[in-house]
Protein backbone atom coordinates (compact mmCIF):
# COMPACT_ATOMS: atom_id res chain seq x y z
CA UNK A 1 0.00 0.00 0.00
CA UNK A 2 2.84 2.36 0.77
CA UNK A 3 4.39 1.81 -2.70
CA UNK A 4 1.17 2.90 -4.48
CA UNK A 5 1.14 6.16 -2.48
CA UNK A 6 4.75 6.84 -3.51
CA UNK A 7 3.94 6.11 -7.17
CA UNK A 8 0.91 8.40 -6.98
CA UNK A 9 3.00 11.19 -5.39
CA UNK A 10 5.69 10.79 -8.07
CA UNK A 11 3.14 11.02 -10.88
CA UNK A 12 1.67 14.20 -9.36
CA UNK A 13 5.19 15.66 -9.09
CA UNK A 14 5.92 14.83 -12.74
CA UNK A 15 2.67 16.45 -13.89
CA UNK A 16 3.52 19.55 -11.83
CA UNK A 17 6.98 19.76 -13.39
CA UNK A 18 5.54 19.44 -16.90
CA UNK A 19 2.97 22.18 -16.22
CA UNK A 20 5.67 24.45 -14.78
CA UNK A 21 7.96 23.86 -17.79
CA UNK A 22 5.11 24.57 -20.23
CA UNK A 23 4.26 27.80 -18.38
CA UNK A 24 7.88 28.98 -18.46
CA UNK A 25 8.19 28.13 -22.17
CA UNK A 26 4.95 29.94 -23.05
CA UNK A 27 5.92 33.01 -21.01
CA UNK A 28 9.35 33.13 -22.64
CA UNK A 29 7.78 32.79 -26.09
CA UNK A 30 5.19 35.52 -25.54
CA UNK A 31 7.45 37.96 -23.73
CA UNK A 32 10.53 37.32 -25.86
CA UNK A 33 12.68 40.04 -27.32
CA UNK A 34 11.13 41.23 -30.59
CA UNK A 35 13.39 44.16 -31.27
CA UNK A 36 12.00 47.45 -32.50
CA UNK A 37 8.36 48.36 -31.90
CA UNK A 38 6.58 50.30 -34.64
CA UNK A 39 3.08 51.70 -34.42
CA UNK A 40 0.64 52.45 -37.22
CA UNK A 41 -1.96 55.10 -36.40
CA UNK A 42 -5.52 55.14 -37.69
CA UNK A 43 -4.49 57.59 -40.47
CA UNK A 44 -1.56 55.26 -41.43
CA UNK A 45 1.25 57.33 -39.97
CA UNK A 46 4.15 55.02 -39.03
CA UNK A 47 6.38 55.75 -36.04
CA UNK A 48 9.68 54.84 -37.79
CA UNK A 49 11.16 54.95 -41.27
CA UNK A 50 14.16 52.74 -40.47
CA UNK A 51 14.17 49.33 -38.78
CA UNK A 52 17.39 48.48 -36.96
CA UNK A 53 16.58 44.96 -35.73
CA UNK A 54 16.04 41.71 -37.58
CA UNK A 55 12.49 41.29 -36.27
CA UNK A 56 10.14 44.14 -35.45
CA UNK A 57 6.70 44.25 -33.84
CA UNK A 58 4.12 46.32 -35.72
CA UNK A 59 1.11 47.64 -33.74
CA UNK A 60 -2.08 48.94 -35.34
CA UNK A 61 -3.14 51.59 -32.84
CA UNK A 62 -6.76 52.50 -33.57
CA UNK A 63 -10.16 52.25 -31.97
CA UNK A 64 -12.63 49.52 -32.84
CA UNK A 65 -14.69 51.85 -35.08
CA UNK A 66 -11.87 51.75 -37.65
CA UNK A 67 -11.77 48.79 -40.02
CA UNK A 68 -9.05 46.18 -40.31
CA UNK A 69 -6.07 46.79 -42.56
CA UNK A 70 -4.05 44.82 -45.08
CA UNK A 71 -0.27 45.26 -45.10
CA UNK A 72 1.63 44.14 -48.20
CA UNK A 73 5.44 44.09 -48.11
CA UNK A 74 7.36 44.58 -51.36
CA UNK A 75 11.04 44.73 -52.18
CA UNK A 76 11.80 48.18 -53.62
CA UNK A 77 11.28 47.36 -57.32
CA UNK A 78 9.20 44.18 -57.10
CA UNK A 79 5.77 43.76 -58.65
CA UNK A 80 4.51 41.11 -56.22
CA UNK A 81 4.57 41.29 -52.43
CA UNK A 82 6.79 38.89 -50.52
CA UNK A 83 4.43 38.97 -47.52
CA UNK A 84 0.83 40.03 -46.87
CA UNK A 85 -0.64 40.35 -43.37
CA UNK A 86 -3.98 41.50 -41.98
CA UNK A 87 -4.39 43.44 -38.74
CA UNK A 88 -7.45 44.33 -36.70
CA UNK A 89 -7.52 47.52 -34.61
CA UNK A 90 -5.36 47.26 -31.46
CA UNK A 91 -3.60 44.18 -32.83
CA UNK A 92 0.06 43.51 -33.60
CA UNK A 93 2.27 41.25 -35.70
CA UNK A 94 5.96 40.40 -35.68
CA UNK A 95 7.54 41.06 -39.07
CA UNK A 96 10.90 40.25 -40.60
CA UNK A 97 11.50 42.74 -43.38
CA UNK A 98 14.03 41.99 -46.08
CA UNK A 99 17.31 43.89 -45.92
CA UNK A 100 17.40 47.17 -47.81
CA UNK A 101 14.47 49.35 -48.83
CA UNK A 102 10.98 47.88 -48.51
CA UNK A 103 7.70 49.29 -49.76
CA UNK A 104 4.94 48.87 -47.18
CA UNK A 105 1.47 49.23 -48.70
CA UNK A 106 -1.34 49.70 -46.17
CA UNK A 107 -5.02 49.50 -47.23
CA UNK A 108 -8.28 49.53 -45.34
CA UNK A 109 -10.59 46.56 -45.55
CA UNK A 110 -14.34 46.58 -45.24
CA UNK A 111 -17.28 48.13 -47.01
CA UNK A 112 -16.94 51.75 -45.86
CA UNK A 113 -16.11 54.50 -48.28
CA UNK A 114 -13.65 56.08 -48.92
CA UNK A 115 -11.08 53.32 -48.83
CA UNK A 116 -7.73 54.53 -47.58
CA UNK A 117 -4.37 53.47 -48.96
CA UNK A 118 -0.83 54.57 -48.23
CA UNK A 119 2.58 53.39 -49.43
CA UNK A 120 5.63 53.86 -47.23
CA UNK A 121 9.32 53.33 -47.90
CA UNK A 122 10.99 51.61 -44.92
CA UNK A 123 14.72 50.87 -44.69
CA UNK A 124 15.69 47.57 -43.05
CA UNK A 125 19.28 47.67 -41.86
CA UNK A 126 21.25 44.53 -41.19
CA UNK A 127 21.81 44.21 -37.43
CA UNK A 128 25.45 44.86 -36.60
CA UNK A 129 27.13 42.97 -33.78
CA UNK A 130 29.29 45.15 -31.58
CA UNK A 131 32.87 43.84 -31.82
CA UNK A 132 33.85 45.71 -28.66
CA UNK A 133 31.46 43.62 -26.58
CA UNK A 134 33.34 40.70 -25.01
CA UNK A 135 31.51 37.64 -23.73
CA UNK A 136 33.11 35.14 -21.45
């Protein structure tokens, strides 16, 4: 009888460890370092024209009365976008722009008139590692 109690206690401990590990992993994933944060206002003004990190988080800061938007990412002289994303108001997405100049085309979705559209030219710089920083 004593052995079954020990087995039961061990199984509860293993389940607890798995739940703890999953919680730590999920927290690390959600709160991870995303680099530069860029906001898009309801009139499509963007807070930055240069991205200095490999991955950036783009926020669509607007109230719920504004419609969702479509963001198409183009290389500077390309005809077809290399990525298309959709954002609802007060939503965000993590983007990896291609190095160099990118054309960001933002359009409103929905049935309201007039439909808004804006094209922006965003420079994505390659992240530079500091050679003066020494790790041991």
